[in-house]
Structures are given as structure tokens and as C-alpha cells.
Amino acid sequence: MNEEEQTEGGSTVLRYKESKNTDLAVPATAYLEEITAHVNRFIGPTPMVLHEIVSTAVHIDVLTVPPTESRPFLTFVTSGMSDRPMSVPKSVPNHTDLHRAEMMISLPIYWAEQYSYFEHYKVTDGDEQGYYPIRYLKYWARFPHEFETWLGTWHTMPNGDPPQPLDADTEMTGFMILPPATLLQEAWSFRASDGELINLLALYPLHAEEMEFKLANGAEALVDMLIEAGVTEVFEPRRKSVVKRKKRFGLF
């Protein structure tokens, strides 16, 4: 049974005890060509797709976009999360346009240079070092289908309970979903040929105190601080906490 509680900042906290739908039959890929076309148009060419070998609930492939002059970083976009509609409550405004989504995250260009298996933008699940941002990308893309829930803008997801660092090379312990700051607003969603709206959700890694600040003060307060600090979906493992920086200067 999932637990729900309200925070001082007005956020709803859901604690998921166990996956419900791990045995769901994996649907046929429905939107890969349209997602690829959207990515090619707004992000860049996708010379490689990281094909998933074993799938549960949905088949999650990852489109890989190498750096370009206008986007000097690696970008990864899922394809397959949108093959099933998420369980968005009818009480959520415009809920019918929030059922389908894909996720993205970007990595600094040095990521390709630091980890040898990124040569020619080839990545394999077996090479864990440096792969963890993509592993989390796929995990959260599958999560709403396995737990009969949904993910959308301003949602935060800790890495465990209590939250643990995402990896040994970072102090960040979770994620927030926001529109991709490095893309034009027209790229944040598209209407598929069958009329379904597919939203592009970006993963922003967060520090523990940033997630706590959001729960206590609301998502908008944290987003304002992230914008002020120039934080985007380009993951910097050693980024300093915007909350700690504000406290250091006695701003709250």
C-alpha cells in the first residue's frame, strides 16, 4: 500500500512500497519514428540508439545526440515511456494532455572523453562507471508504469528513502522534473499523428537540502533559485547546492 502525506510547502509526498505492474506485457513501440523526428528537429541528429535488451512494462530505448556547435553537450532522450499512458488523476488540470511523456538528460562534453566506452557515443549497460545518469533516466521513464502513477513537471524523486547519493562522484541524492531549459518552448511537447500529446520532461539532479527546501517552501521557490543560479538539465555532478549558497550569504 502506498503512503501519502502533505508537507508544509503544500507538496504531496508519495512513498511507493512495491512495484505493481512488473509483469505487464510490453506494448509494441508506437512513437519511435515521431520522437526521433522531433529530437532531430529540435535537439540534433541521433546517430545512435541504445536499444534495450530486456524490458518490463515498456520498452525503453535511448536516443543519443552528440554535441553540436549550438548544444556543446551530450543529450539522451528516451523512447518508449509514452507507449503506455500514465495514471494521471482526473483532478489534475489538463490531465488528458499529461498521460504520455518521454524523459531527457544532458551530460557535459567531458563525459564522452572521460569514459572510454563513450567513444563514438557508444554506451552499454555493462559499463556502470559513468553510465548512471542514463540508468536513472531509464528507471524513471519506467517507474510510472510499474507503480500505476505518473510523473510530471515539478515532481521530485529521491534516490531511496532515506535518499542516497546518485553515485560516488556526486553528492546529489535525487531529481526534479522540469521543462528542458536548453530548448525552445515549442520543443517541450508535440502532438503525435494519432492526436496524443507527448511531453518532453527533463531530469534535474538535486541535492538533499534542495529537495527538502522544495518540500518546505514549494516548488516555485526552488525553481526560482535554480534559474537564478543558471542551473539547466545539463548534469554537473559537482554542482554546489543553491540552498547552501543562499544560506552562506545569509539570504534566508
C-alpha atoms as a PDB file:
ATOM      1  CA  MET A   1       0.000   0.000   0.000  1.00  0.00           C
ATOM      2  CA  ASN A   2       1.419   3.413  -0.963  1.00  0.00           C
ATOM      3  CA  GLU A   3       1.595   6.156   1.692  1.00  0.00           C
ATOM      4  CA  GLU A   4       0.686   9.807   1.102  1.00  0.00           C
ATOM      5  CA  GLU A   5       1.356  12.913   3.186  1.00  0.00           C
ATOM      6  CA  GLN A   6       1.334  16.691   2.789  1.00  0.00           C
ATOM      7  CA  THR A   7       4.338  18.922   3.505  1.00  0.00           C
ATOM      8  CA  GLU A   8       4.422  22.458   4.906  1.00  0.00           C
ATOM      9  CA  GLY A   9       5.108  23.787   1.432  1.00  0.00           C
ATOM     10  CA  GLY A  10       1.959  22.196   0.049  1.00  0.00           C
ATOM     11  CA  SER A  11       3.679  19.308  -1.710  1.00  0.00           C
ATOM     12  CA  THR A  12       2.234  15.810  -1.724  1.00  0.00           C
ATOM     13  CA  VAL A  13       4.723  13.105  -0.758  1.00  0.00           C
ATOM     14  CA  LEU A  14       4.034   9.592  -2.021  1.00  0.00           C
ATOM     15  CA  ARG A  15       6.015   6.626  -0.765  1.00  0.00           C
ATOM     16  CA  TYR A  16       5.822   3.595  -3.039  1.00  0.00           C
ATOM     17  CA  LYS A  17       6.234   0.276  -1.290  1.00  0.00           C
ATOM     18  CA  GLU A  18       6.395  -2.151  -4.181  1.00  0.00           C
ATOM     19  CA  SER A  19       6.022  -2.300  -7.921  1.00  0.00           C
ATOM     20  CA  LYS A  20       2.575  -3.333  -9.122  1.00  0.00           C
ATOM     21  CA  ASN A  21       2.991  -3.970 -12.819  1.00  0.00           C
ATOM     22  CA  THR A  22       6.302  -5.710 -13.422  1.00  0.00           C
ATOM     23  CA  ASP A  23       4.515  -8.468 -15.351  1.00  0.00           C
ATOM     24  CA  LEU A  24       2.756  -6.183 -17.815  1.00  0.00           C
ATOM     25  CA  ALA A  25       3.107  -7.267 -21.413  1.00  0.00           C
ATOM     26  CA  VAL A  26       5.424  -4.833 -23.193  1.00  0.00           C
ATOM     27  CA  PRO A  27       3.488  -2.950 -25.904  1.00  0.00           C
ATOM     28  CA  ALA A  28       4.791  -2.542 -29.417  1.00  0.00           C
ATOM     29  CA  THR A  29       6.832   0.599 -29.975  1.00  0.00           C
ATOM     30  CA  ALA A  30       4.364   3.214 -31.162  1.00  0.00           C
ATOM     31  CA  TYR A  31       6.094   6.577 -31.367  1.00  0.00           C
ATOM     32  CA  LEU A  32       9.795   5.888 -32.040  1.00  0.00           C
ATOM     33  CA  GLU A  33       9.812   7.437 -35.519  1.00  0.00           C
ATOM     34  CA  GLU A  34       7.887  10.536 -34.424  1.00  0.00           C
ATOM     35  CA  ILE A  35      10.017  11.003 -31.307  1.00  0.00           C
ATOM     36  CA  THR A  36      13.180  10.619 -33.388  1.00  0.00           C
ATOM     37  CA  ALA A  37      11.922  13.207 -35.877  1.00  0.00           C
ATOM     38  CA  HIS A  38      11.131  15.627 -33.039  1.00  0.00           C
ATOM     39  CA  VAL A  39      14.572  15.137 -31.483  1.00  0.00           C
ATOM     40  CA  ASN A  40      16.311  15.557 -34.838  1.00  0.00           C
ATOM     41  CA  ARG A  41      14.434  18.797 -35.432  1.00  0.00           C
ATOM     42  CA  PHE A  42      14.924  20.482 -32.071  1.00  0.00           C
ATOM     43  CA  ILE A  43      17.978  18.862 -30.455  1.00  0.00           C
ATOM     44  CA  GLY A  44      20.184  17.358 -33.125  1.00  0.00           C
ATOM     45  CA  PRO A  45      20.920  14.252 -35.189  1.00  0.00           C
ATOM     46  CA  THR A  46      20.626  10.890 -33.454  1.00  0.00           C
ATOM     47  CA  PRO A  47      23.291   8.641 -34.993  1.00  0.00           C
ATOM     48  CA  MET A  48      22.834   6.000 -32.328  1.00  0.00           C
ATOM     49  CA  VAL A  49      20.020   4.411 -30.325  1.00  0.00           C
ATOM     50  CA  LEU A  50      20.751   2.487 -27.137  1.00  0.00           C
ATOM     51  CA  HIS A  51      18.406  -0.442 -27.645  1.00  0.00           C
ATOM     52  CA  GLU A  52      17.071  -2.147 -24.544  1.00  0.00           C
ATOM     53  CA  ILE A  53      17.601  -5.915 -24.471  1.00  0.00           C
ATOM     54  CA  VAL A  54      15.224  -6.912 -21.660  1.00  0.00           C
ATOM     55  CA  SER A  55      12.119  -4.837 -20.887  1.00  0.00           C
ATOM     56  CA  THR A  56       9.325  -4.750 -18.327  1.00  0.00           C
ATOM     57  CA  ALA A  57       6.110  -2.715 -18.661  1.00  0.00           C
ATOM     58  CA  VAL A  58       7.533  -0.652 -21.549  1.00  0.00           C
ATOM     59  CA  HIS A  59      10.481  -0.981 -23.921  1.00  0.00           C
ATOM     60  CA  ILE A  60      12.823   1.951 -23.187  1.00  0.00           C
ATOM     61  CA  ASP A  61      15.333   2.831 -25.887  1.00  0.00           C
ATOM     62  CA  VAL A  62      17.555   5.902 -25.544  1.00  0.00           C
ATOM     63  CA  LEU A  63      18.260   8.272 -28.414  1.00  0.00           C
ATOM     64  CA  THR A  64      21.817   9.602 -28.249  1.00  0.00           C
ATOM     65  CA  VAL A  65      22.536  13.102 -29.531  1.00  0.00           C
ATOM     66  CA  PRO A  66      26.240  14.049 -29.784  1.00  0.00           C
ATOM     67  CA  PRO A  67      27.412  17.613 -29.136  1.00  0.00           C
ATOM     68  CA  THR A  68      26.774  20.281 -31.726  1.00  0.00           C
ATOM     69  CA  GLU A  69      28.022  23.844 -32.047  1.00  0.00           C
ATOM     70  CA  SER A  70      24.782  25.198 -30.616  1.00  0.00           C
ATOM     71  CA  ARG A  71      24.470  22.448 -27.980  1.00  0.00           C
ATOM     72  CA  PRO A  72      28.006  21.617 -26.750  1.00  0.00           C
ATOM     73  CA  PHE A  73      26.973  18.670 -24.593  1.00  0.00           C
ATOM     74  CA  LEU A  74      25.629  15.126 -24.905  1.00  0.00           C
ATOM     75  CA  THR A  75      21.865  14.663 -24.797  1.00  0.00           C
ATOM     76  CA  PHE A  76      19.918  11.471 -24.138  1.00  0.00           C
ATOM     77  CA  VAL A  77      16.175  11.130 -24.795  1.00  0.00           C
ATOM     78  CA  THR A  78      14.031   8.095 -24.031  1.00  0.00           C
ATOM     79  CA  SER A  79      11.682   6.477 -26.496  1.00  0.00           C
ATOM     80  CA  GLY A  80       9.093   4.061 -25.139  1.00  0.00           C
ATOM     81  CA  MET A  81       7.859   5.720 -21.957  1.00  0.00           C
ATOM     82  CA  SER A  82       4.985   7.169 -23.992  1.00  0.00           C
ATOM     83  CA  ASP A  83       3.904   3.764 -25.334  1.00  0.00           C
ATOM     84  CA  ARG A  84       1.664   3.471 -22.270  1.00  0.00           C
ATOM     85  CA  PRO A  85      -0.435   6.300 -20.813  1.00  0.00           C
ATOM     86  CA  MET A  86       0.468   7.242 -17.248  1.00  0.00           C
ATOM     87  CA  SER A  87      -2.160   7.147 -14.492  1.00  0.00           C
ATOM     88  CA  VAL A  88      -2.745  10.894 -14.202  1.00  0.00           C
ATOM     89  CA  PRO A  89      -5.581  11.722 -11.746  1.00  0.00           C
ATOM     90  CA  LYS A  90      -8.608  13.337 -13.358  1.00  0.00           C
ATOM     91  CA  SER A  91      -8.370  16.095 -10.748  1.00  0.00           C
ATOM     92  CA  VAL A  92      -5.129  17.337 -12.351  1.00  0.00           C
ATOM     93  CA  PRO A  93      -5.768  20.237 -14.781  1.00  0.00           C
ATOM     94  CA  ASN A  94      -5.428  19.218 -18.442  1.00  0.00           C
ATOM     95  CA  HIS A  95      -4.857  15.637 -17.303  1.00  0.00           C
ATOM     96  CA  THR A  96      -5.598  14.202 -20.743  1.00  0.00           C
ATOM     97  CA  ASP A  97      -2.551  16.022 -22.152  1.00  0.00           C
ATOM     98  CA  LEU A  98      -0.235  14.707 -19.422  1.00  0.00           C
ATOM     99  CA  HIS A  99      -0.682  10.961 -19.962  1.00  0.00           C
ATOM    100  CA  ARG A 100       2.262  10.467 -22.297  1.00  0.00           C
ATOM    101  CA  ALA A 101       5.828  11.652 -21.878  1.00  0.00           C
ATOM    102  CA  GLU A 102       9.458  10.934 -22.592  1.00  0.00           C
ATOM    103  CA  MET A 103      12.459  11.930 -20.484  1.00  0.00           C
ATOM    104  CA  MET A 104      15.784  13.537 -21.253  1.00  0.00           C
ATOM    105  CA  ILE A 105      19.032  14.456 -19.571  1.00  0.00           C
ATOM    106  CA  SER A 106      22.218  16.084 -20.862  1.00  0.00           C
ATOM    107  CA  LEU A 107      25.830  15.481 -19.876  1.00  0.00           C
ATOM    108  CA  PRO A 108      28.896  17.717 -20.207  1.00  0.00           C
ATOM    109  CA  ILE A 109      31.060  17.026 -23.238  1.00  0.00           C
ATOM    110  CA  TYR A 110      33.888  15.795 -20.998  1.00  0.00           C
ATOM    111  CA  TRP A 111      31.718  12.780 -20.181  1.00  0.00           C
ATOM    112  CA  ALA A 112      32.433  11.376 -23.637  1.00  0.00           C
ATOM    113  CA  GLU A 113      36.146  11.973 -23.196  1.00  0.00           C
ATOM    114  CA  GLN A 114      36.447  10.721 -19.605  1.00  0.00           C
ATOM    115  CA  TYR A 115      34.808   7.327 -20.076  1.00  0.00           C
ATOM    116  CA  SER A 116      36.323   5.215 -22.830  1.00  0.00           C
ATOM    117  CA  TYR A 117      33.090   3.397 -23.638  1.00  0.00           C
ATOM    118  CA  PHE A 118      31.584   6.712 -24.737  1.00  0.00           C
ATOM    119  CA  GLU A 119      33.888   6.737 -27.743  1.00  0.00           C
ATOM    120  CA  HIS A 120      31.760   7.301 -30.840  1.00  0.00           C
ATOM    121  CA  TYR A 121      28.873   7.741 -28.367  1.00  0.00           C
ATOM    122  CA  LYS A 122      28.576   4.028 -27.755  1.00  0.00           C
ATOM    123  CA  VAL A 123      27.288   3.118 -24.310  1.00  0.00           C
ATOM    124  CA  THR A 124      26.492  -0.269 -22.800  1.00  0.00           C
ATOM    125  CA  ASP A 125      24.594  -1.198 -19.673  1.00  0.00           C
ATOM    126  CA  GLY A 126      27.517  -3.341 -18.529  1.00  0.00           C
ATOM    127  CA  ASP A 127      29.827  -0.355 -18.106  1.00  0.00           C
ATOM    128  CA  GLU A 128      28.466   1.129 -14.891  1.00  0.00           C
ATOM    129  CA  GLN A 129      31.089   3.812 -14.326  1.00  0.00           C
ATOM    130  CA  GLY A 130      29.749   6.979 -15.900  1.00  0.00           C
ATOM    131  CA  TYR A 131      26.569   5.242 -17.062  1.00  0.00           C
ATOM    132  CA  TYR A 132      24.481   6.036 -14.006  1.00  0.00           C
ATOM    133  CA  PRO A 133      22.698   9.169 -15.375  1.00  0.00           C
ATOM    134  CA  ILE A 134      21.301   7.062 -18.224  1.00  0.00           C
ATOM    135  CA  ARG A 135      20.402   4.260 -15.842  1.00  0.00           C
ATOM    136  CA  TYR A 136      18.346   6.694 -13.767  1.00  0.00           C
ATOM    137  CA  LEU A 137      16.816   8.133 -16.947  1.00  0.00           C
ATOM    138  CA  LYS A 138      15.529   4.695 -17.900  1.00  0.00           C
ATOM    139  CA  TYR A 139      14.453   3.876 -14.347  1.00  0.00           C
ATOM    140  CA  TRP A 140      12.251   6.961 -14.012  1.00  0.00           C
ATOM    141  CA  ALA A 141      10.860   6.510 -17.520  1.00  0.00           C
ATOM    142  CA  ARG A 142       9.610   3.055 -16.492  1.00  0.00           C
ATOM    143  CA  PHE A 143       8.594   3.993 -12.939  1.00  0.00           C
ATOM    144  CA  PRO A 144       5.066   5.406 -13.517  1.00  0.00           C
ATOM    145  CA  HIS A 145       4.014   2.282 -15.421  1.00  0.00           C
ATOM    146  CA  GLU A 146       5.319  -0.161 -12.841  1.00  0.00           C
ATOM    147  CA  PHE A 147       3.733   1.757  -9.945  1.00  0.00           C
ATOM    148  CA  GLU A 148       0.480   2.868 -11.642  1.00  0.00           C
ATOM    149  CA  THR A 149       1.260   6.541 -11.084  1.00  0.00           C
ATOM    150  CA  TRP A 150       2.515   9.493 -13.114  1.00  0.00           C
ATOM    151  CA  LEU A 151       5.426  11.906 -13.353  1.00  0.00           C
ATOM    152  CA  GLY A 152       5.244  15.496 -14.485  1.00  0.00           C
ATOM    153  CA  THR A 153       6.708  18.964 -14.184  1.00  0.00           C
ATOM    154  CA  TRP A 154       7.798  19.993 -10.657  1.00  0.00           C
ATOM    155  CA  HIS A 155       7.735  16.437  -9.308  1.00  0.00           C
ATOM    156  CA  THR A 156      10.780  15.472  -7.221  1.00  0.00           C
ATOM    157  CA  MET A 157      12.054  11.935  -6.755  1.00  0.00           C
ATOM    158  CA  PRO A 158      14.617  10.988  -4.073  1.00  0.00           C
ATOM    159  CA  ASN A 159      17.115   8.221  -4.625  1.00  0.00           C
ATOM    160  CA  GLY A 160      15.835   5.905  -1.927  1.00  0.00           C
ATOM    161  CA  ASP A 161      14.318   6.508   1.499  1.00  0.00           C
ATOM    162  CA  PRO A 162      16.345   7.983   3.092  1.00  0.00           C
ATOM    163  CA  PRO A 163      17.910   9.457  -0.076  1.00  0.00           C
ATOM    164  CA  GLN A 164      21.376   8.247  -1.033  1.00  0.00           C
ATOM    165  CA  PRO A 165      23.950   9.863  -3.381  1.00  0.00           C
ATOM    166  CA  LEU A 166      23.307   9.057  -7.031  1.00  0.00           C
ATOM    167  CA  ASP A 167      26.892   7.880  -7.403  1.00  0.00           C
ATOM    168  CA  ALA A 168      30.262   8.067  -5.696  1.00  0.00           C
ATOM    169  CA  ASP A 169      31.268  11.108  -7.766  1.00  0.00           C
ATOM    170  CA  THR A 170      28.354  13.331  -6.707  1.00  0.00           C
ATOM    171  CA  GLU A 171      26.599  14.451  -3.525  1.00  0.00           C
ATOM    172  CA  MET A 172      23.243  14.804  -5.267  1.00  0.00           C
ATOM    173  CA  THR A 173      20.530  12.495  -3.998  1.00  0.00           C
ATOM    174  CA  GLY A 174      17.528  12.840  -6.283  1.00  0.00           C
ATOM    175  CA  PHE A 175      15.864  14.550  -9.223  1.00  0.00           C
ATOM    176  CA  MET A 176      13.325  17.196 -10.112  1.00  0.00           C
ATOM    177  CA  ILE A 177      11.349  17.164 -13.337  1.00  0.00           C
ATOM    178  CA  LEU A 178      11.247  20.471 -15.211  1.00  0.00           C
ATOM    179  CA  PRO A 179      10.967  21.620 -18.824  1.00  0.00           C
ATOM    180  CA  PRO A 180      14.329  21.428 -20.621  1.00  0.00           C
ATOM    181  CA  ALA A 181      15.866  24.876 -20.139  1.00  0.00           C
ATOM    182  CA  THR A 182      18.221  24.457 -23.091  1.00  0.00           C
ATOM    183  CA  LEU A 183      15.352  24.037 -25.572  1.00  0.00           C
ATOM    184  CA  LEU A 184      12.789  26.417 -27.016  1.00  0.00           C
ATOM    185  CA  GLN A 185       9.311  26.065 -25.524  1.00  0.00           C
ATOM    186  CA  GLU A 186       7.950  24.699 -28.803  1.00  0.00           C
ATOM    187  CA  ALA A 187      10.219  21.686 -28.302  1.00  0.00           C
ATOM    188  CA  TRP A 188       8.760  20.789 -24.910  1.00  0.00           C
ATOM    189  CA  SER A 189       5.946  18.715 -26.427  1.00  0.00           C
ATOM    190  CA  PHE A 190       4.488  17.604 -29.734  1.00  0.00           C
ATOM    191  CA  ARG A 191       1.215  16.212 -30.991  1.00  0.00           C
ATOM    192  CA  ALA A 192       1.638  12.714 -32.448  1.00  0.00           C
ATOM    193  CA  SER A 193      -0.166  11.601 -35.593  1.00  0.00           C
ATOM    194  CA  ASP A 194      -2.839   9.847 -33.511  1.00  0.00           C
ATOM    195  CA  GLY A 195      -3.627  13.094 -31.656  1.00  0.00           C
ATOM    196  CA  GLU A 196      -1.811  12.200 -28.425  1.00  0.00           C
ATOM    197  CA  LEU A 197       0.356  14.903 -26.840  1.00  0.00           C
ATOM    198  CA  ILE A 198       3.840  13.679 -25.924  1.00  0.00           C
ATOM    199  CA  ASN A 199       5.667  15.826 -23.372  1.00  0.00           C
ATOM    200  CA  LEU A 200       9.440  16.042 -23.064  1.00  0.00           C
ATOM    201  CA  LEU A 201      10.426  16.039 -19.385  1.00  0.00           C
ATOM    202  CA  ALA A 202      13.955  16.890 -18.273  1.00  0.00           C
ATOM    203  CA  LEU A 203      15.656  15.373 -15.223  1.00  0.00           C
ATOM    204  CA  TYR A 204      17.445  17.890 -12.979  1.00  0.00           C
ATOM    205  CA  PRO A 205      19.635  16.212 -10.318  1.00  0.00           C
ATOM    206  CA  LEU A 206      19.232  17.831  -6.877  1.00  0.00           C
ATOM    207  CA  HIS A 207      20.996  17.934  -3.546  1.00  0.00           C
ATOM    208  CA  ALA A 208      19.165  16.639  -0.468  1.00  0.00           C
ATOM    209  CA  GLU A 209      18.764  20.113   1.015  1.00  0.00           C
ATOM    210  CA  GLU A 210      17.324  21.368  -2.287  1.00  0.00           C
ATOM    211  CA  MET A 211      14.631  18.694  -2.189  1.00  0.00           C
ATOM    212  CA  GLU A 212      13.955  19.479   1.469  1.00  0.00           C
ATOM    213  CA  PHE A 213      13.685  23.187   0.628  1.00  0.00           C
ATOM    214  CA  LYS A 214      11.142  22.381  -2.086  1.00  0.00           C
ATOM    215  CA  LEU A 215       9.024  20.312   0.303  1.00  0.00           C
ATOM    216  CA  ALA A 216       9.091  23.072   2.919  1.00  0.00           C
ATOM    217  CA  ASN A 217       8.690  26.114   0.651  1.00  0.00           C
ATOM    218  CA  GLY A 218       7.082  24.845  -2.544  1.00  0.00           C
ATOM    219  CA  ALA A 219       8.410  24.020  -5.990  1.00  0.00           C
ATOM    220  CA  GLU A 220       8.240  27.574  -7.320  1.00  0.00           C
ATOM    221  CA  ALA A 221      10.620  28.887  -4.652  1.00  0.00           C
ATOM    222  CA  LEU A 222      13.228  26.262  -5.530  1.00  0.00           C
ATOM    223  CA  VAL A 223      12.796  26.755  -9.281  1.00  0.00           C
ATOM    224  CA  ASP A 224      13.425  30.489  -8.869  1.00  0.00           C
ATOM    225  CA  MET A 225      16.705  29.700  -7.115  1.00  0.00           C
ATOM    226  CA  LEU A 226      17.757  27.206  -9.791  1.00  0.00           C
ATOM    227  CA  ILE A 227      17.021  29.715 -12.551  1.00  0.00           C
ATOM    228  CA  GLU A 228      18.942  32.440 -10.725  1.00  0.00           C
ATOM    229  CA  ALA A 229      21.936  30.108 -10.437  1.00  0.00           C
ATOM    230  CA  GLY A 230      21.770  29.185 -14.133  1.00  0.00           C
ATOM    231  CA  VAL A 231      21.026  25.513 -13.487  1.00  0.00           C
ATOM    232  CA  THR A 232      19.798  23.545 -16.520  1.00  0.00           C
ATOM    233  CA  GLU A 233      19.257  19.878 -17.321  1.00  0.00           C
ATOM    234  CA  VAL A 234      22.971  19.583 -18.219  1.00  0.00           C
ATOM    235  CA  PHE A 235      24.126  17.446 -15.293  1.00  0.00           C
ATOM    236  CA  GLU A 236      27.174  18.743 -13.431  1.00  0.00           C
ATOM    237  CA  PRO A 237      27.994  16.133 -10.723  1.00  0.00           C
ATOM    238  CA  ARG A 238      29.892  18.645  -8.578  1.00  0.00           C
ATOM    239  CA  ARG A 239      27.419  21.495  -8.819  1.00  0.00           C
ATOM    240  CA  LYS A 240      27.086  23.286  -5.487  1.00  0.00           C
ATOM    241  CA  SER A 241      23.734  23.380  -3.712  1.00  0.00           C
ATOM    242  CA  VAL A 242      21.809  26.579  -4.451  1.00  0.00           C
ATOM    243  CA  VAL A 243      20.257  26.342  -0.986  1.00  0.00           C
ATOM    244  CA  LYS A 244      23.615  26.111   0.780  1.00  0.00           C
ATOM    245  CA  ARG A 245      24.889  29.061  -1.243  1.00  0.00           C
ATOM    246  CA  LYS A 246      21.911  31.195  -0.225  1.00  0.00           C
ATOM    247  CA  LYS A 247      22.387  30.250   3.432  1.00  0.00           C
ATOM    248  CA  ARG A 248      26.096  31.020   3.233  1.00  0.00           C
ATOM    249  CA  PHE A 249      25.334  34.597   2.225  1.00  0.00           C
ATOM    250  CA  GLY A 250      22.584  34.920   4.825  1.00  0.00           C
ATOM    251  CA  LEU A 251      19.832  35.400   2.233  1.00  0.00           C
ATOM    252  CA  PHE A 252      17.325  33.308   4.231  1.00  0.00           C
END
